[in-house]
Amino acid sequence: LFIDIGDIPKNMVTPNSENKIYDIPLAMES
């Protein structure tokens, strides 16, 4: 799903022990 969406930076994805993508960043705050 992350690959299909295509334009979300990979460094926004939460690191985890499985080294897979388990979340899709929707928005950020400042």
PDB file of all heavy atoms in Angstrom:
ATOM      1  N   LEU A   1       0.834  -1.197   0.000  1.00  0.00           N
ATOM      2  CA  LEU A   1       0.000   0.000   0.000  1.00  0.00           C
ATOM      3  C   LEU A   1       0.870   1.249   0.000  1.00  0.00           C
ATOM      4  O   LEU A   1       0.598   2.211  -0.717  1.00  0.00           O
ATOM      5  CB  LEU A   1      -0.930  -0.008   1.226  1.00  0.00           C
ATOM      6  CG  LEU A   1      -1.832   1.214   1.413  1.00  0.00           C
ATOM      7  CD1 LEU A   1      -2.725   1.411   0.192  1.00  0.00           C
ATOM      8  CD2 LEU A   1      -2.673   1.068   2.677  1.00  0.00           C
ATOM      9  N   PHE A   2       1.947   1.234   0.773  1.00  0.00           N
ATOM     10  CA  PHE A   2       2.865   2.369   0.828  1.00  0.00           C
ATOM     11  C   PHE A   2       3.481   2.630  -0.550  1.00  0.00           C
ATOM     12  O   PHE A   2       3.580   3.771  -1.000  1.00  0.00           O
ATOM     13  CB  PHE A   2       3.961   2.088   1.861  1.00  0.00           C
ATOM     14  CG  PHE A   2       4.976   3.191   1.992  1.00  0.00           C
ATOM     15  CD1 PHE A   2       4.717   4.288   2.799  1.00  0.00           C
ATOM     16  CD2 PHE A   2       6.181   3.131   1.317  1.00  0.00           C
ATOM     17  CE1 PHE A   2       5.647   5.312   2.924  1.00  0.00           C
ATOM     18  CE2 PHE A   2       7.116   4.142   1.434  1.00  0.00           C
ATOM     19  CZ  PHE A   2       6.853   5.246   2.247  1.00  0.00           C
ATOM     20  N   ILE A   3       3.868   1.556  -1.214  1.00  0.00           N
ATOM     21  CA  ILE A   3       4.454   1.678  -2.557  1.00  0.00           C
ATOM     22  C   ILE A   3       3.428   2.216  -3.542  1.00  0.00           C
ATOM     23  O   ILE A   3       3.724   3.064  -4.389  1.00  0.00           O
ATOM     24  CB  ILE A   3       5.004   0.320  -3.024  1.00  0.00           C
ATOM     25  CG1 ILE A   3       6.216  -0.085  -2.166  1.00  0.00           C
ATOM     26  CG2 ILE A   3       5.398   0.373  -4.501  1.00  0.00           C
ATOM     27  CD1 ILE A   3       6.678  -1.506  -2.374  1.00  0.00           C
ATOM     28  N   ASP A   4       2.192   1.750  -3.452  1.00  0.00           N
ATOM     29  CA  ASP A   4       1.133   2.202  -4.359  1.00  0.00           C
ATOM     30  C   ASP A   4       0.862   3.695  -4.204  1.00  0.00           C
ATOM     31  O   ASP A   4       0.647   4.404  -5.190  1.00  0.00           O
ATOM     32  CB  ASP A   4      -0.163   1.423  -4.106  1.00  0.00           C
ATOM     33  CG  ASP A   4      -0.092  -0.008  -4.623  1.00  0.00           C
ATOM     34  OD1 ASP A   4       0.818  -0.304  -5.419  1.00  0.00           O
ATOM     35  OD2 ASP A   4      -0.941  -0.824  -4.212  1.00  0.00           O
ATOM     36  N   ILE A   5       0.863   4.193  -2.962  1.00  0.00           N
ATOM     37  CA  ILE A   5       0.609   5.618  -2.734  1.00  0.00           C
ATOM     38  C   ILE A   5       1.749   6.443  -3.311  1.00  0.00           C
ATOM     39  O   ILE A   5       1.534   7.455  -3.976  1.00  0.00           O
ATOM     40  CB  ILE A   5       0.416   5.893  -1.231  1.00  0.00           C
ATOM     41  CG1 ILE A   5      -0.882   5.216  -0.760  1.00  0.00           C
ATOM     42  CG2 ILE A   5       0.358   7.395  -0.945  1.00  0.00           C
ATOM     43  CD1 ILE A   5      -1.061   5.205   0.740  1.00  0.00           C
ATOM     44  N   GLY A   6       2.984   6.046  -3.046  1.00  0.00           N
ATOM     45  CA  GLY A   6       4.117   6.507  -3.831  1.00  0.00           C
ATOM     46  C   GLY A   6       4.872   7.746  -3.419  1.00  0.00           C
ATOM     47  O   GLY A   6       6.069   7.818  -3.702  1.00  0.00           O
ATOM     48  N   ASP A   7       4.258   8.750  -2.796  1.00  0.00           N
ATOM     49  CA  ASP A   7       4.980  10.004  -2.572  1.00  0.00           C
ATOM     50  C   ASP A   7       5.119  10.388  -1.099  1.00  0.00           C
ATOM     51  O   ASP A   7       5.330  11.542  -0.769  1.00  0.00           O
ATOM     52  CB  ASP A   7       4.316  11.147  -3.349  1.00  0.00           C
ATOM     53  CG  ASP A   7       2.868  11.394  -2.911  1.00  0.00           C
ATOM     54  OD1 ASP A   7       2.321  10.533  -2.203  1.00  0.00           O
ATOM     55  OD2 ASP A   7       2.298  12.434  -3.294  1.00  0.00           O
ATOM     56  N   ILE A   8       5.028   9.412  -0.207  1.00  0.00           N
ATOM     57  CA  ILE A   8       5.277   9.663   1.211  1.00  0.00           C
ATOM     58  C   ILE A   8       6.730   9.280   1.511  1.00  0.00           C
ATOM     59  O   ILE A   8       7.164   8.176   1.175  1.00  0.00           O
ATOM     60  CB  ILE A   8       4.332   8.829   2.099  1.00  0.00           C
ATOM     61  CG1 ILE A   8       2.879   9.218   1.831  1.00  0.00           C
ATOM     62  CG2 ILE A   8       4.666   9.028   3.570  1.00  0.00           C
ATOM     63  CD1 ILE A   8       1.868   8.364   2.562  1.00  0.00           C
ATOM     64  N   PRO A   9       7.517  10.176   2.113  1.00  0.00           N
ATOM     65  CA  PRO A   9       8.923   9.857   2.396  1.00  0.00           C
ATOM     66  C   PRO A   9       9.047   8.631   3.304  1.00  0.00           C
ATOM     67  O   PRO A   9       8.332   8.495   4.290  1.00  0.00           O
ATOM     68  CB  PRO A   9       9.442  11.110   3.107  1.00  0.00           C
ATOM     69  CG  PRO A   9       8.534  12.200   2.654  1.00  0.00           C
ATOM     70  CD  PRO A   9       7.188  11.566   2.495  1.00  0.00           C
ATOM     71  N   LYS A  10       9.980   7.755   2.976  1.00  0.00           N
ATOM     72  CA  LYS A  10      10.177   6.530   3.752  1.00  0.00           C
ATOM     73  C   LYS A  10      10.615   6.828   5.185  1.00  0.00           C
ATOM     74  O   LYS A  10      10.311   6.067   6.108  1.00  0.00           O
ATOM     75  CB  LYS A  10      11.238   5.662   3.052  1.00  0.00           C
ATOM     76  CG  LYS A  10      11.511   4.312   3.711  1.00  0.00           C
ATOM     77  CD  LYS A  10      10.361   3.352   3.551  1.00  0.00           C
ATOM     78  CE  LYS A  10      10.660   1.979   4.147  1.00  0.00           C
ATOM     79  NZ  LYS A  10      11.706   1.234   3.402  1.00  0.00           N
ATOM     80  N   ASN A  11      11.304   7.975   5.379  1.00  0.00           N
ATOM     81  CA  ASN A  11      11.792   8.269   6.735  1.00  0.00           C
ATOM     82  C   ASN A  11      10.682   8.697   7.686  1.00  0.00           C
ATOM     83  O   ASN A  11      10.918   8.935   8.858  1.00  0.00           O
ATOM     84  CB  ASN A  11      12.886   9.338   6.703  1.00  0.00           C
ATOM     85  CG  ASN A  11      12.411  10.679   6.165  1.00  0.00           C
ATOM     86  OD1 ASN A  11      11.225  10.871   5.889  1.00  0.00           O
ATOM     87  ND2 ASN A  11      13.328  11.606   5.993  1.00  0.00           N
ATOM     88  N   MET A  12       9.451   8.821   7.186  1.00  0.00           N
ATOM     89  CA  MET A  12       8.311   9.123   8.052  1.00  0.00           C
ATOM     90  C   MET A  12       7.642   7.858   8.588  1.00  0.00           C
ATOM     91  O   MET A  12       6.796   7.919   9.476  1.00  0.00           O
ATOM     92  CB  MET A  12       7.266   9.959   7.303  1.00  0.00           C
ATOM     93  CG  MET A  12       7.684  11.374   7.033  1.00  0.00           C
ATOM     94  SD  MET A  12       6.335  12.327   6.315  1.00  0.00           S
ATOM     95  CE  MET A  12       7.097  13.957   6.228  1.00  0.00           C
ATOM     96  N   VAL A  13       8.010   6.716   8.044  1.00  0.00           N
ATOM     97  CA  VAL A  13       7.438   5.446   8.482  1.00  0.00           C
ATOM     98  C   VAL A  13       8.064   5.043   9.808  1.00  0.00           C
ATOM     99  O   VAL A  13       9.272   5.214  10.021  1.00  0.00           O
ATOM    100  CB  VAL A  13       7.668   4.354   7.420  1.00  0.00           C
ATOM    101  CG1 VAL A  13       7.210   2.997   7.933  1.00  0.00           C
ATOM    102  CG2 VAL A  13       6.917   4.704   6.142  1.00  0.00           C
ATOM    103  N   THR A  14       7.273   4.487  10.711  1.00  0.00           N
ATOM    104  CA  THR A  14       7.765   4.117  12.037  1.00  0.00           C
ATOM    105  C   THR A  14       8.683   2.898  11.981  1.00  0.00           C
ATOM    106  O   THR A  14       8.276   1.836  11.511  1.00  0.00           O
ATOM    107  CB  THR A  14       6.593   3.790  12.977  1.00  0.00           C
ATOM    108  OG1 THR A  14       5.657   4.864  12.936  1.00  0.00           O
ATOM    109  CG2 THR A  14       7.079   3.589  14.400  1.00  0.00           C
ATOM    110  N   PRO A  15       9.924   3.029  12.461  1.00  0.00           N
ATOM    111  CA  PRO A  15      10.824   1.863  12.518  1.00  0.00           C
ATOM    112  C   PRO A  15      10.266   0.817  13.482  1.00  0.00           C
ATOM    113  O   PRO A  15       9.631   1.150  14.484  1.00  0.00           O
ATOM    114  CB  PRO A  15      12.132   2.447  13.056  1.00  0.00           C
ATOM    115  CG  PRO A  15      12.032   3.920  12.839  1.00  0.00           C
ATOM    116  CD  PRO A  15      10.574   4.250  12.946  1.00  0.00           C
ATOM    117  N   ASN A  16      10.500  -0.446  13.176  1.00  0.00           N
ATOM    118  CA  ASN A  16      10.037  -1.515  14.056  1.00  0.00           C
ATOM    119  C   ASN A  16      10.952  -2.719  13.908  1.00  0.00           C
ATOM    120  O   ASN A  16      11.771  -2.796  12.976  1.00  0.00           O
ATOM    121  CB  ASN A  16       8.578  -1.891  13.739  1.00  0.00           C
ATOM    122  CG  ASN A  16       8.407  -2.328  12.302  1.00  0.00           C
ATOM    123  OD1 ASN A  16       8.721  -3.463  11.935  1.00  0.00           O
ATOM    124  ND2 ASN A  16       7.916  -1.439  11.447  1.00  0.00           N
ATOM    125  N   SER A  17      10.826  -3.653  14.813  1.00  0.00           N
ATOM    126  CA  SER A  17      11.726  -4.808  14.870  1.00  0.00           C
ATOM    127  C   SER A  17      11.586  -5.731  13.668  1.00  0.00           C
ATOM    128  O   SER A  17      12.495  -6.509  13.373  1.00  0.00           O
ATOM    129  CB  SER A  17      11.477  -5.599  16.161  1.00  0.00           C
ATOM    130  OG  SER A  17      10.124  -6.028  16.229  1.00  0.00           O
ATOM    131  N   GLU A  18      10.457  -5.672  12.964  1.00  0.00           N
ATOM    132  CA  GLU A  18      10.233  -6.550  11.818  1.00  0.00           C
ATOM    133  C   GLU A  18      10.802  -5.984  10.522  1.00  0.00           C
ATOM    134  O   GLU A  18      10.828  -6.665   9.496  1.00  0.00           O
ATOM    135  CB  GLU A  18       8.726  -6.797  11.648  1.00  0.00           C
ATOM    136  CG  GLU A  18       8.068  -7.511  12.814  1.00  0.00           C
ATOM    137  CD  GLU A  18       8.592  -8.922  12.994  1.00  0.00           C
ATOM    138  OE1 GLU A  18       8.827  -9.601  11.971  1.00  0.00           O
ATOM    139  OE2 GLU A  18       8.781  -9.339  14.149  1.00  0.00           O
ATOM    140  N   ASN A  19      11.214  -4.701  10.564  1.00  0.00           N
ATOM    141  CA  ASN A  19      11.757  -4.034   9.384  1.00  0.00           C
ATOM    142  C   ASN A  19      10.776  -4.063   8.195  1.00  0.00           C
ATOM    143  O   ASN A  19      11.182  -4.197   7.052  1.00  0.00           O
ATOM    144  CB  ASN A  19      13.100  -4.650   8.969  1.00  0.00           C
ATOM    145  CG  ASN A  19      13.895  -3.710   8.073  1.00  0.00           C
ATOM    146  OD1 ASN A  19      13.764  -2.483   8.163  1.00  0.00           O
ATOM    147  ND2 ASN A  19      14.715  -4.280   7.208  1.00  0.00           N
ATOM    148  N   LYS A  20       9.501  -3.949   8.519  1.00  0.00           N
ATOM    149  CA  LYS A  20       8.472  -3.852   7.490  1.00  0.00           C
ATOM    150  C   LYS A  20       7.690  -2.564   7.711  1.00  0.00           C
ATOM    151  O   LYS A  20       7.874  -1.870   8.722  1.00  0.00           O
ATOM    152  CB  LYS A  20       7.514  -5.051   7.569  1.00  0.00           C
ATOM    153  CG  LYS A  20       8.154  -6.387   7.235  1.00  0.00           C
ATOM    154  CD  LYS A  20       7.112  -7.507   7.341  1.00  0.00           C
ATOM    155  CE  LYS A  20       7.718  -8.859   7.014  1.00  0.00           C
ATOM    156  NZ  LYS A  20       6.712  -9.959   7.141  1.00  0.00           N
ATOM    157  N   ILE A  21       6.813  -2.236   6.781  1.00  0.00           N
ATOM    158  CA  ILE A  21       5.984  -1.038   6.910  1.00  0.00           C
ATOM    159  C   ILE A  21       4.644  -1.438   7.504  1.00  0.00           C
ATOM    160  O   ILE A  21       3.902  -2.223   6.921  1.00  0.00           O
ATOM    161  CB  ILE A  21       5.791  -0.348   5.546  1.00  0.00           C
ATOM    162  CG1 ILE A  21       7.143   0.187   5.055  1.00  0.00           C
ATOM    163  CG2 ILE A  21       4.772   0.794   5.654  1.00  0.00           C
ATOM    164  CD1 ILE A  21       7.105   0.784   3.666  1.00  0.00           C
ATOM    165  N   TYR A  22       4.361  -0.886   8.686  1.00  0.00           N
ATOM    166  CA  TYR A  22       3.107  -1.208   9.365  1.00  0.00           C
ATOM    167  C   TYR A  22       2.216   0.027   9.550  1.00  0.00           C
ATOM    168  O   TYR A  22       1.161  -0.067  10.167  1.00  0.00           O
ATOM    169  CB  TYR A  22       3.378  -1.829  10.736  1.00  0.00           C
ATOM    170  CG  TYR A  22       3.818  -3.273  10.671  1.00  0.00           C
ATOM    171  CD1 TYR A  22       5.168  -3.606  10.637  1.00  0.00           C
ATOM    172  CD2 TYR A  22       2.880  -4.305  10.638  1.00  0.00           C
ATOM    173  CE1 TYR A  22       5.576  -4.939  10.580  1.00  0.00           C
ATOM    174  CE2 TYR A  22       3.277  -5.625  10.586  1.00  0.00           C
ATOM    175  CZ  TYR A  22       4.618  -5.944  10.555  1.00  0.00           C
ATOM    176  OH  TYR A  22       5.018  -7.265  10.501  1.00  0.00           O
ATOM    177  N   ASP A  23       2.671   1.179   9.065  1.00  0.00           N
ATOM    178  CA  ASP A  23       1.845   2.380   9.196  1.00  0.00           C
ATOM    179  C   ASP A  23       1.969   3.242   7.946  1.00  0.00           C
ATOM    180  O   ASP A  23       2.999   3.240   7.272  1.00  0.00           O
ATOM    181  CB  ASP A  23       2.229   3.170  10.443  1.00  0.00           C
ATOM    182  CG  ASP A  23       3.661   3.688  10.399  1.00  0.00           C
ATOM    183  OD1 ASP A  23       4.563   2.932   9.970  1.00  0.00           O
ATOM    184  OD2 ASP A  23       3.887   4.843  10.795  1.00  0.00           O
ATOM    185  N   ILE A  24       0.897   3.963   7.643  1.00  0.00           N
ATOM    186  CA  ILE A  24       0.878   4.885   6.515  1.00  0.00           C
ATOM    187  C   ILE A  24       0.745   6.298   7.083  1.00  0.00           C
ATOM    188  O   ILE A  24      -0.320   6.673   7.588  1.00  0.00           O
ATOM    189  CB  ILE A  24      -0.307   4.596   5.560  1.00  0.00           C
ATOM    190  CG1 ILE A  24      -0.239   3.168   5.020  1.00  0.00           C
ATOM    191  CG2 ILE A  24      -0.326   5.619   4.426  1.00  0.00           C
ATOM    192  CD1 ILE A  24       0.952   2.868   4.132  1.00  0.00           C
ATOM    193  N   PRO A  25       1.811   7.109   7.037  1.00  0.00           N
ATOM    194  CA  PRO A  25       1.739   8.482   7.557  1.00  0.00           C
ATOM    195  C   PRO A  25       0.723   9.306   6.766  1.00  0.00           C
ATOM    196  O   PRO A  25       0.846   9.455   5.550  1.00  0.00           O
ATOM    197  CB  PRO A  25       3.165   9.003   7.352  1.00  0.00           C
ATOM    198  CG  PRO A  25       4.022   7.771   7.306  1.00  0.00           C
ATOM    199  CD  PRO A  25       3.175   6.751   6.604  1.00  0.00           C
ATOM    200  N   LEU A  26      -0.270   9.830   7.466  1.00  0.00           N
ATOM    201  CA  LEU A  26      -1.317  10.627   6.826  1.00  0.00           C
ATOM    202  C   LEU A  26      -1.019  12.115   6.929  1.00  0.00           C
ATOM    203  O   LEU A  26      -1.226  12.869   5.972  1.00  0.00           O
ATOM    204  CB  LEU A  26      -2.666  10.335   7.493  1.00  0.00           C
ATOM    205  CG  LEU A  26      -3.847  11.205   7.057  1.00  0.00           C
ATOM    206  CD1 LEU A  26      -4.226  10.888   5.616  1.00  0.00           C
ATOM    207  CD2 LEU A  26      -5.036  11.012   7.979  1.00  0.00           C
ATOM    208  N   ALA A  27      -0.540  12.552   8.077  1.00  0.00           N
ATOM    209  CA  ALA A  27      -0.305  13.976   8.293  1.00  0.00           C
ATOM    210  C   ALA A  27       0.754  14.161   9.364  1.00  0.00           C
ATOM    211  O   ALA A  27       1.035  13.255  10.140  1.00  0.00           O
ATOM    212  CB  ALA A  27      -1.602  14.662   8.715  1.00  0.00           C
ATOM    213  N   MET A  28       1.343  15.342   9.378  1.00  0.00           N
ATOM    214  CA  MET A  28       2.286  15.674  10.440  1.00  0.00           C
ATOM    215  C   MET A  28       1.859  16.990  11.083  1.00  0.00           C
ATOM    216  O   MET A  28       1.114  17.776  10.497  1.00  0.00           O
ATOM    217  CB  MET A  28       3.709  15.777   9.905  1.00  0.00           C
ATOM    218  CG  MET A  28       3.951  16.916   8.938  1.00  0.00           C
ATOM    219  SD  MET A  28       5.693  16.992   8.456  1.00  0.00           S
ATOM    220  CE  MET A  28       5.668  18.400   7.340  1.00  0.00           C
ATOM    221  N   GLU A  29       2.320  17.198  12.291  1.00  0.00           N
ATOM    222  CA  GLU A  29       2.043  18.434  13.015  1.00  0.00           C
ATOM    223  C   GLU A  29       3.347  19.206  13.170  1.00  0.00           C
ATOM    224  O   GLU A  29       4.428  18.648  13.018  1.00  0.00           O
ATOM    225  CB  GLU A  29       1.466  18.141  14.394  1.00  0.00           C
ATOM    226  CG  GLU A  29       0.219  17.284  14.382  1.00  0.00           C
ATOM    227  CD  GLU A  29      -0.172  16.811  15.774  1.00  0.00           C
ATOM    228  OE1 GLU A  29       0.340  17.384  16.761  1.00  0.00           O
ATOM    229  OE2 GLU A  29      -0.971  15.877  15.860  1.00  0.00           O
ATOM    230  N   SER A  30       3.209  20.470  13.504  1.00  0.00           N
ATOM    231  CA  SER A  30       4.376  21.290  13.833  1.00  0.00           C
ATOM    232  C   SER A  30       4.030  22.026  15.116  1.00  0.00           C
ATOM    233  O   SER A  30       2.977  22.658  15.204  1.00  0.00           O
ATOM    234  CB  SER A  30       4.658  22.290  12.706  1.00  0.00           C
ATOM    235  OG  SER A  30       5.767  23.110  13.023  1.00  0.00           O
TER     236      SER A  30
END
